[in-house]
């Protein structure tokens, strides 16, 4: 089940990367720079990255929940430098 979810996530990331590259090419190949379109591109790019970062923090949080207090302290001291 987790493998299938990971596979779907990877396919989505590949499709998103292709779409982002196409959007970037479209912005850069225009005869005149469209600042509004560039801002939309940057905003969309960083919003998706922000969601990935939030998801990563959620996984780390869930991982820490299975550790006891001392294990949490050790993990934080050794892994979050």
PDB file of N, CA and C in Angstrom:
ATOM      1  N   UNK A   1       0.831  -1.191   0.000  1.00  0.00           N
ATOM      2  CA  UNK A   1       0.000   0.000   0.000  1.00  0.00           C
ATOM      3  C   UNK A   1       0.874   1.253   0.000  1.00  0.00           C
ATOM      4  N   UNK A   2       1.874   1.286   0.902  1.00  0.00           N
ATOM      5  CA  UNK A   2       2.776   2.443   0.966  1.00  0.00           C
ATOM      6  C   UNK A   2       3.566   2.567  -0.336  1.00  0.00           C
ATOM      7  N   UNK A   3       3.986   1.441  -0.901  1.00  0.00           N
ATOM      8  CA  UNK A   3       4.722   1.459  -2.164  1.00  0.00           C
ATOM      9  C   UNK A   3       3.885   2.108  -3.254  1.00  0.00           C
ATOM     10  N   UNK A   4       2.610   1.732  -3.311  1.00  0.00           N
ATOM     11  CA  UNK A   4       1.704   2.284  -4.326  1.00  0.00           C
ATOM     12  C   UNK A   4       1.557   3.792  -4.138  1.00  0.00           C
ATOM     13  N   UNK A   5       1.426   4.234  -2.886  1.00  0.00           N
ATOM     14  CA  UNK A   5       1.322   5.670  -2.599  1.00  0.00           C
ATOM     15  C   UNK A   5       2.587   6.403  -3.025  1.00  0.00           C
ATOM     16  N   UNK A   6       3.737   5.816  -2.704  1.00  0.00           N
ATOM     17  CA  UNK A   6       5.012   6.423  -3.093  1.00  0.00           C
ATOM     18  C   UNK A   6       5.163   6.492  -4.607  1.00  0.00           C
ATOM     19  N   UNK A   7       4.727   5.441  -5.278  1.00  0.00           N
ATOM     20  CA  UNK A   7       4.797   5.409  -6.736  1.00  0.00           C
ATOM     21  C   UNK A   7       3.919   6.510  -7.329  1.00  0.00           C
ATOM     22  N   UNK A   8       2.713   6.668  -6.808  1.00  0.00           N
ATOM     23  CA  UNK A   8       1.817   7.723  -7.282  1.00  0.00           C
ATOM     24  C   UNK A   8       2.401   9.100  -7.004  1.00  0.00           C
ATOM     25  N   UNK A   9       3.004   9.268  -5.841  1.00  0.00           N
ATOM     26  CA  UNK A   9       3.630  10.543  -5.495  1.00  0.00           C
ATOM     27  C   UNK A   9       4.765  10.859  -6.457  1.00  0.00           C
ATOM     28  N   UNK A  10       5.580   9.860  -6.773  1.00  0.00           N
ATOM     29  CA  UNK A  10       6.683  10.069  -7.717  1.00  0.00           C
ATOM     30  C   UNK A  10       6.169  10.453  -9.094  1.00  0.00           C
ATOM     31  N   UNK A  11       5.104   9.822  -9.539  1.00  0.00           N
ATOM     32  CA  UNK A  11       4.519  10.168 -10.833  1.00  0.00           C
ATOM     33  C   UNK A  11       3.987  11.596 -10.828  1.00  0.00           C
ATOM     34  N   UNK A  12       3.376  12.006  -9.722  1.00  0.00           N
ATOM     35  CA  UNK A  12       2.873  13.373  -9.610  1.00  0.00           C
ATOM     36  C   UNK A  12       4.020  14.372  -9.637  1.00  0.00           C
ATOM     37  N   UNK A  13       5.113  14.071  -8.940  1.00  0.00           N
ATOM     38  CA  UNK A  13       6.274  14.966  -8.927  1.00  0.00           C
ATOM     39  C   UNK A  13       6.860  15.109 -10.332  1.00  0.00           C
ATOM     40  N   UNK A  14       6.920  14.004 -11.075  1.00  0.00           N
ATOM     41  CA  UNK A  14       7.447  14.046 -12.436  1.00  0.00           C
ATOM     42  C   UNK A  14       6.562  14.911 -13.323  1.00  0.00           C
ATOM     43  N   UNK A  15       5.255  14.732 -13.215  1.00  0.00           N
ATOM     44  CA  UNK A  15       4.324  15.538 -14.005  1.00  0.00           C
ATOM     45  C   UNK A  15       4.413  17.006 -13.615  1.00  0.00           C
ATOM     46  N   UNK A  16       4.522  17.283 -12.318  1.00  0.00           N
ATOM     47  CA  UNK A  16       4.641  18.666 -11.856  1.00  0.00           C
ATOM     48  C   UNK A  16       5.928  19.308 -12.355  1.00  0.00           C
ATOM     49  N   UNK A  17       7.020  18.569 -12.342  1.00  0.00           N
ATOM     50  CA  UNK A  17       8.298  19.102 -12.823  1.00  0.00           C
ATOM     51  C   UNK A  17       8.221  19.439 -14.306  1.00  0.00           C
ATOM     52  N   UNK A  18       7.608  18.564 -15.063  1.00  0.00           N
ATOM     53  CA  UNK A  18       7.461  18.808 -16.502  1.00  0.00           C
ATOM     54  C   UNK A  18       6.607  20.053 -16.739  1.00  0.00           C
ATOM     55  N   UNK A  19       5.512  20.172 -15.992  1.00  0.00           N
ATOM     56  CA  UNK A  19       4.631  21.327 -16.137  1.00  0.00           C
ATOM     57  C   UNK A  19       5.358  22.612 -15.758  1.00  0.00           C
ATOM     58  N   UNK A  20       6.127  22.574 -14.668  1.00  0.00           N
ATOM     59  CA  UNK A  20       6.885  23.759 -14.243  1.00  0.00           C
ATOM     60  C   UNK A  20       7.906  24.166 -15.295  1.00  0.00           C
ATOM     61  N   UNK A  21       8.594  23.185 -15.870  1.00  0.00           N
ATOM     62  CA  UNK A  21       9.570  23.496 -16.916  1.00  0.00           C
ATOM     63  C   UNK A  21       8.901  24.118 -18.128  1.00  0.00           C
ATOM     64  N   UNK A  22       7.744  23.608 -18.502  1.00  0.00           N
ATOM     65  CA  UNK A  22       7.010  24.175 -19.630  1.00  0.00           C
ATOM     66  C   UNK A  22       6.590  25.611 -19.333  1.00  0.00           C
ATOM     67  N   UNK A  23       6.111  25.854 -18.105  1.00  0.00           N
ATOM     68  CA  UNK A  23       5.718  27.209 -17.728  1.00  0.00           C
ATOM     69  C   UNK A  23       6.916  28.149 -17.736  1.00  0.00           C
ATOM     70  N   UNK A  24       8.027  27.696 -17.226  1.00  0.00           N
ATOM     71  CA  UNK A  24       9.231  28.518 -17.194  1.00  0.00           C
ATOM     72  C   UNK A  24       9.706  28.836 -18.608  1.00  0.00           C
ATOM     73  N   UNK A  25       9.717  27.834 -19.467  1.00  0.00           N
ATOM     74  CA  UNK A  25      10.100  28.066 -20.862  1.00  0.00           C
ATOM     75  C   UNK A  25       9.180  29.079 -21.525  1.00  0.00           C
ATOM     76  N   UNK A  26       7.894  28.967 -21.243  1.00  0.00           N
ATOM     77  CA  UNK A  26       6.930  29.894 -21.835  1.00  0.00           C
ATOM     78  C   UNK A  26       7.218  31.329 -21.387  1.00  0.00           C
ATOM     79  N   UNK A  27       7.540  31.507 -20.122  1.00  0.00           N
ATOM     80  CA  UNK A  27       7.855  32.846 -19.602  1.00  0.00           C
ATOM     81  C   UNK A  27       9.125  33.386 -20.255  1.00  0.00           C
ATOM     82  N   UNK A  28      10.148  32.561 -20.334  1.00  0.00           N
ATOM     83  CA  UNK A  28      11.447  33.015 -20.817  1.00  0.00           C
ATOM     84  C   UNK A  28      11.506  33.206 -22.328  1.00  0.00           C
ATOM     85  N   UNK A  29      10.641  32.540 -23.063  1.00  0.00           N
ATOM     86  CA  UNK A  29      10.694  32.611 -24.521  1.00  0.00           C
ATOM     87  C   UNK A  29       9.802  33.706 -25.107  1.00  0.00           C
ATOM     88  N   UNK A  30       9.065  34.401 -24.271  1.00  0.00           N
ATOM     89  CA  UNK A  30       8.204  35.479 -24.764  1.00  0.00           C
ATOM     90  C   UNK A  30       9.058  36.646 -25.261  1.00  0.00           C
ATOM     91  N   UNK A  31       8.572  37.370 -26.274  1.00  0.00           N
ATOM     92  CA  UNK A  31       9.339  38.516 -26.770  1.00  0.00           C
ATOM     93  C   UNK A  31       9.480  39.629 -25.724  1.00  0.00           C
ATOM     94  N   UNK A  32       8.492  39.707 -24.818  1.00  0.00           N
ATOM     95  CA  UNK A  32       8.526  40.726 -23.771  1.00  0.00           C
ATOM     96  C   UNK A  32       8.324  40.028 -22.424  1.00  0.00           C
ATOM     97  N   UNK A  33       9.093  40.442 -21.416  1.00  0.00           N
ATOM     98  CA  UNK A  33       8.995  39.830 -20.092  1.00  0.00           C
ATOM     99  C   UNK A  33       7.663  40.188 -19.449  1.00  0.00           C
ATOM    100  N   UNK A  34       6.924  39.168 -19.023  1.00  0.00           N
ATOM    101  CA  UNK A  34       5.632  39.355 -18.365  1.00  0.00           C
ATOM    102  C   UNK A  34       5.833  39.169 -16.860  1.00  0.00           C
ATOM    103  N   UNK A  35       5.966  40.283 -16.146  1.00  0.00           N
ATOM    104  CA  UNK A  35       6.259  40.223 -14.715  1.00  0.00           C
ATOM    105  C   UNK A  35       5.134  39.553 -13.935  1.00  0.00           C
ATOM    106  N   UNK A  36       3.891  39.811 -14.311  1.00  0.00           N
ATOM    107  CA  UNK A  36       2.755  39.201 -13.610  1.00  0.00           C
ATOM    108  C   UNK A  36       2.795  37.679 -13.754  1.00  0.00           C
ATOM    109  N   UNK A  37       3.100  37.208 -14.949  1.00  0.00           N
ATOM    110  CA  UNK A  37       3.191  35.759 -15.176  1.00  0.00           C
ATOM    111  C   UNK A  37       4.370  35.165 -14.403  1.00  0.00           C
ATOM    112  N   UNK A  38       5.466  35.886 -14.351  1.00  0.00           N
ATOM    113  CA  UNK A  38       6.633  35.427 -13.596  1.00  0.00           C
ATOM    114  C   UNK A  38       6.304  35.332 -12.109  1.00  0.00           C
ATOM    115  N   UNK A  39       5.576  36.307 -11.590  1.00  0.00           N
ATOM    116  CA  UNK A  39       5.187  36.277 -10.178  1.00  0.00           C
ATOM    117  C   UNK A  39       4.262  35.099  -9.889  1.00  0.00           C
ATOM    118  N   UNK A  40       3.334  34.825 -10.807  1.00  0.00           N
ATOM    119  CA  UNK A  40       2.443  33.666 -10.631  1.00  0.00           C
ATOM    120  C   UNK A  40       3.256  32.371 -10.606  1.00  0.00           C
ATOM    121  N   UNK A  41       4.217  32.280 -11.513  1.00  0.00           N
ATOM    122  CA  UNK A  41       5.068  31.086 -11.568  1.00  0.00           C
ATOM    123  C   UNK A  41       5.826  30.903 -10.250  1.00  0.00           C
ATOM    124  N   UNK A  42       6.452  31.967  -9.778  1.00  0.00           N
ATOM    125  CA  UNK A  42       7.240  31.887  -8.543  1.00  0.00           C
ATOM    126  C   UNK A  42       6.342  31.546  -7.361  1.00  0.00           C
ATOM    127  N   UNK A  43       5.188  32.180  -7.278  1.00  0.00           N
ATOM    128  CA  UNK A  43       4.259  31.907  -6.184  1.00  0.00           C
ATOM    129  C   UNK A  43       3.830  30.444  -6.193  1.00  0.00           C
ATOM    130  N   UNK A  44       3.452  29.929  -7.346  1.00  0.00           N
ATOM    131  CA  UNK A  44       3.046  28.522  -7.441  1.00  0.00           C
ATOM    132  C   UNK A  44       4.197  27.589  -7.088  1.00  0.00           C
ATOM    133  N   UNK A  45       5.395  27.933  -7.534  1.00  0.00           N
ATOM    134  CA  UNK A  45       6.567  27.101  -7.252  1.00  0.00           C
ATOM    135  C   UNK A  45       6.832  27.032  -5.749  1.00  0.00           C
ATOM    136  N   UNK A  46       6.803  28.162  -5.087  1.00  0.00           N
ATOM    137  CA  UNK A  46       7.113  28.165  -3.659  1.00  0.00           C
ATOM    138  C   UNK A  46       5.969  27.620  -2.813  1.00  0.00           C
ATOM    139  N   UNK A  47       4.747  27.760  -3.259  1.00  0.00           N
ATOM    140  CA  UNK A  47       3.619  27.193  -2.511  1.00  0.00           C
ATOM    141  C   UNK A  47       3.701  25.672  -2.518  1.00  0.00           C
ATOM    142  N   UNK A  48       4.036  25.083  -3.653  1.00  0.00           N
ATOM    143  CA  UNK A  48       4.144  23.620  -3.694  1.00  0.00           C
ATOM    144  C   UNK A  48       5.334  23.154  -2.855  1.00  0.00           C
ATOM    145  N   UNK A  49       6.421  23.904  -2.869  1.00  0.00           N
ATOM    146  CA  UNK A  49       7.584  23.554  -2.049  1.00  0.00           C
ATOM    147  C   UNK A  49       7.242  23.669  -0.567  1.00  0.00           C
ATOM    148  N   UNK A  50       6.453  24.689  -0.237  1.00  0.00           N
ATOM    149  CA  UNK A  50       6.058  24.861   1.157  1.00  0.00           C
ATOM    150  C   UNK A  50       5.247  23.651   1.620  1.00  0.00           C
ATOM    151  N   UNK A  51       4.342  23.161   0.776  1.00  0.00           N
ATOM    152  CA  UNK A  51       3.538  21.999   1.150  1.00  0.00           C
ATOM    153  C   UNK A  51       4.426  20.775   1.339  1.00  0.00           C
ATOM    154  N   UNK A  52       5.431  20.616   0.500  1.00  0.00           N
ATOM    155  CA  UNK A  52       6.364  19.497   0.660  1.00  0.00           C
ATOM    156  C   UNK A  52       7.108  19.605   1.987  1.00  0.00           C
ATOM    157  N   UNK A  53       7.512  20.810   2.345  1.00  0.00           N
ATOM    158  CA  UNK A  53       8.210  21.014   3.618  1.00  0.00           C
ATOM    159  C   UNK A  53       7.297  20.718   4.804  1.00  0.00           C
ATOM    160  N   UNK A  54       6.044  21.131   4.712  1.00  0.00           N
ATOM    161  CA  UNK A  54       5.076  20.847   5.778  1.00  0.00           C
ATOM    162  C   UNK A  54       4.880  19.338   5.901  1.00  0.00           C
ATOM    163  N   UNK A  55       4.756  18.659   4.781  1.00  0.00           N
ATOM    164  CA  UNK A  55       4.600  17.199   4.804  1.00  0.00           C
ATOM    165  C   UNK A  55       5.813  16.522   5.435  1.00  0.00           C
ATOM    166  N   UNK A  56       6.998  17.031   5.132  1.00  0.00           N
ATOM    167  CA  UNK A  56       8.219  16.471   5.717  1.00  0.00           C
ATOM    168  C   UNK A  56       8.242  16.671   7.232  1.00  0.00           C
ATOM    169  N   UNK A  57       7.851  17.845   7.686  1.00  0.00           N
ATOM    170  CA  UNK A  57       7.788  18.098   9.127  1.00  0.00           C
ATOM    171  C   UNK A  57       6.772  17.185   9.806  1.00  0.00           C
ATOM    172  N   UNK A  58       5.669  16.932   9.126  1.00  0.00           N
ATOM    173  CA  UNK A  58       4.640  16.052   9.684  1.00  0.00           C
ATOM    174  C   UNK A  58       5.189  14.635   9.863  1.00  0.00           C
ATOM    175  N   UNK A  59       5.941  14.155   8.892  1.00  0.00           N
ATOM    176  CA  UNK A  59       6.542  12.821   8.986  1.00  0.00           C
ATOM    177  C   UNK A  59       7.528  12.774  10.148  1.00  0.00           C
ATOM    178  N   UNK A  60       8.351  13.817  10.278  1.00  0.00           N
ATOM    179  CA  UNK A  60       9.301  13.860  11.391  1.00  0.00           C
ATOM    180  C   UNK A  60       8.568  13.876  12.729  1.00  0.00           C
ATOM    181  N   UNK A  61       7.500  14.648  12.809  1.00  0.00           N
ATOM    182  CA  UNK A  61       6.705  14.710  14.037  1.00  0.00           C
ATOM    183  C   UNK A  61       6.142  13.330  14.372  1.00  0.00           C
ATOM    184  N   UNK A  62       5.557  12.663  13.378  1.00  0.00           N
ATOM    185  CA  UNK A  62       4.981  11.338  13.608  1.00  0.00           C
ATOM    186  C   UNK A  62       6.060  10.339  14.035  1.00  0.00           C
ATOM    187  N   UNK A  63       7.235  10.454  13.452  1.00  0.00           N
ATOM    188  CA  UNK A  63       8.351   9.590  13.846  1.00  0.00           C
ATOM    189  C   UNK A  63       8.704   9.809  15.313  1.00  0.00           C
ATOM    190  N   UNK A  64       8.788  11.057  15.719  1.00  0.00           N
ATOM    191  CA  UNK A  64       9.164  11.363  17.102  1.00  0.00           C
ATOM    192  C   UNK A  64       8.134  10.854  18.107  1.00  0.00           C
ATOM    193  N   UNK A  65       6.894  10.704  17.689  1.00  0.00           N
ATOM    194  CA  UNK A  65       5.851  10.260  18.604  1.00  0.00           C
ATOM    195  C   UNK A  65       6.051   8.826  19.069  1.00  0.00           C
ATOM    196  N   UNK A  66       6.790   8.025  18.312  1.00  0.00           N
ATOM    197  CA  UNK A  66       7.010   6.634  18.719  1.00  0.00           C
ATOM    198  C   UNK A  66       8.240   6.480  19.608  1.00  0.00           C
ATOM    199  N   UNK A  67       8.999   7.561  19.783  1.00  0.00           N
ATOM    200  CA  UNK A  67      10.189   7.516  20.632  1.00  0.00           C
ATOM    201  C   UNK A  67       9.856   7.945  22.054  1.00  0.00           C
ATOM    202  N   UNK A  68      10.627   7.426  22.998  1.00  0.00           N
ATOM    203  CA  UNK A  68      10.449   7.909  24.373  1.00  0.00           C
ATOM    204  C   UNK A  68      11.178   9.252  24.519  1.00  0.00           C
ATOM    205  N   UNK A  69      11.048   9.863  25.681  1.00  0.00           N
ATOM    206  CA  UNK A  69      11.592  11.207  25.895  1.00  0.00           C
ATOM    207  C   UNK A  69      13.096  11.278  25.628  1.00  0.00           C
ATOM    208  N   UNK A  70      13.844  10.328  26.160  1.00  0.00           N
ATOM    209  CA  UNK A  70      15.304  10.337  25.973  1.00  0.00           C
ATOM    210  C   UNK A  70      15.677  10.126  24.507  1.00  0.00           C
ATOM    211  N   UNK A  71      14.986   9.225  23.839  1.00  0.00           N
ATOM    212  CA  UNK A  71      15.257   8.984  22.421  1.00  0.00           C
ATOM    213  C   UNK A  71      14.975  10.238  21.593  1.00  0.00           C
ATOM    214  N   UNK A  72      13.901  10.946  21.928  1.00  0.00           N
ATOM    215  CA  UNK A  72      13.586  12.201  21.228  1.00  0.00           C
ATOM    216  C   UNK A  72      14.708  13.210  21.399  1.00  0.00           C
ATOM    217  N   UNK A  73      15.157  13.387  22.639  1.00  0.00           N
ATOM    218  CA  UNK A  73      16.237  14.339  22.905  1.00  0.00           C
ATOM    219  C   UNK A  73      17.486  13.958  22.116  1.00  0.00           C
ATOM    220  N   UNK A  74      17.831  12.671  22.129  1.00  0.00           N
ATOM    221  CA  UNK A  74      19.007  12.212  21.386  1.00  0.00           C
ATOM    222  C   UNK A  74      18.855  12.460  19.890  1.00  0.00           C
ATOM    223  N   UNK A  75      17.696  12.141  19.356  1.00  0.00           N
ATOM    224  CA  UNK A  75      17.464  12.326  17.918  1.00  0.00           C
ATOM    225  C   UNK A  75      17.562  13.803  17.550  1.00  0.00           C
ATOM    226  N   UNK A  76      16.930  14.650  18.333  1.00  0.00           N
ATOM    227  CA  UNK A  76      16.962  16.087  18.050  1.00  0.00           C
ATOM    228  C   UNK A  76      18.391  16.618  18.154  1.00  0.00           C
ATOM    229  N   UNK A  77      19.115  16.226  19.193  1.00  0.00           N
ATOM    230  CA  UNK A  77      20.495  16.699  19.366  1.00  0.00           C
ATOM    231  C   UNK A  77      21.426  16.211  18.261  1.00  0.00           C
ATOM    232  N   UNK A  78      21.208  15.004  17.771  1.00  0.00           N
ATOM    233  CA  UNK A  78      22.106  14.433  16.765  1.00  0.00           C
ATOM    234  C   UNK A  78      21.689  14.710  15.326  1.00  0.00           C
ATOM    235  N   UNK A  79      20.416  14.909  15.092  1.00  0.00           N
ATOM    236  CA  UNK A  79      19.933  15.011  13.711  1.00  0.00           C
ATOM    237  C   UNK A  79      19.504  16.416  13.299  1.00  0.00           C
ATOM    238  N   UNK A  80      19.259  17.278  14.241  1.00  0.00           N
ATOM    239  CA  UNK A  80      18.796  18.628  13.893  1.00  0.00           C
ATOM    240  C   UNK A  80      19.849  19.675  14.232  1.00  0.00           C
ATOM    241  N   UNK A  81      21.031  19.478  13.756  1.00  0.00           N
ATOM    242  CA  UNK A  81      22.107  20.452  14.001  1.00  0.00           C
ATOM    243  C   UNK A  81      22.162  21.460  12.912  1.00  0.00           C
TER     244      UNK A  81
END
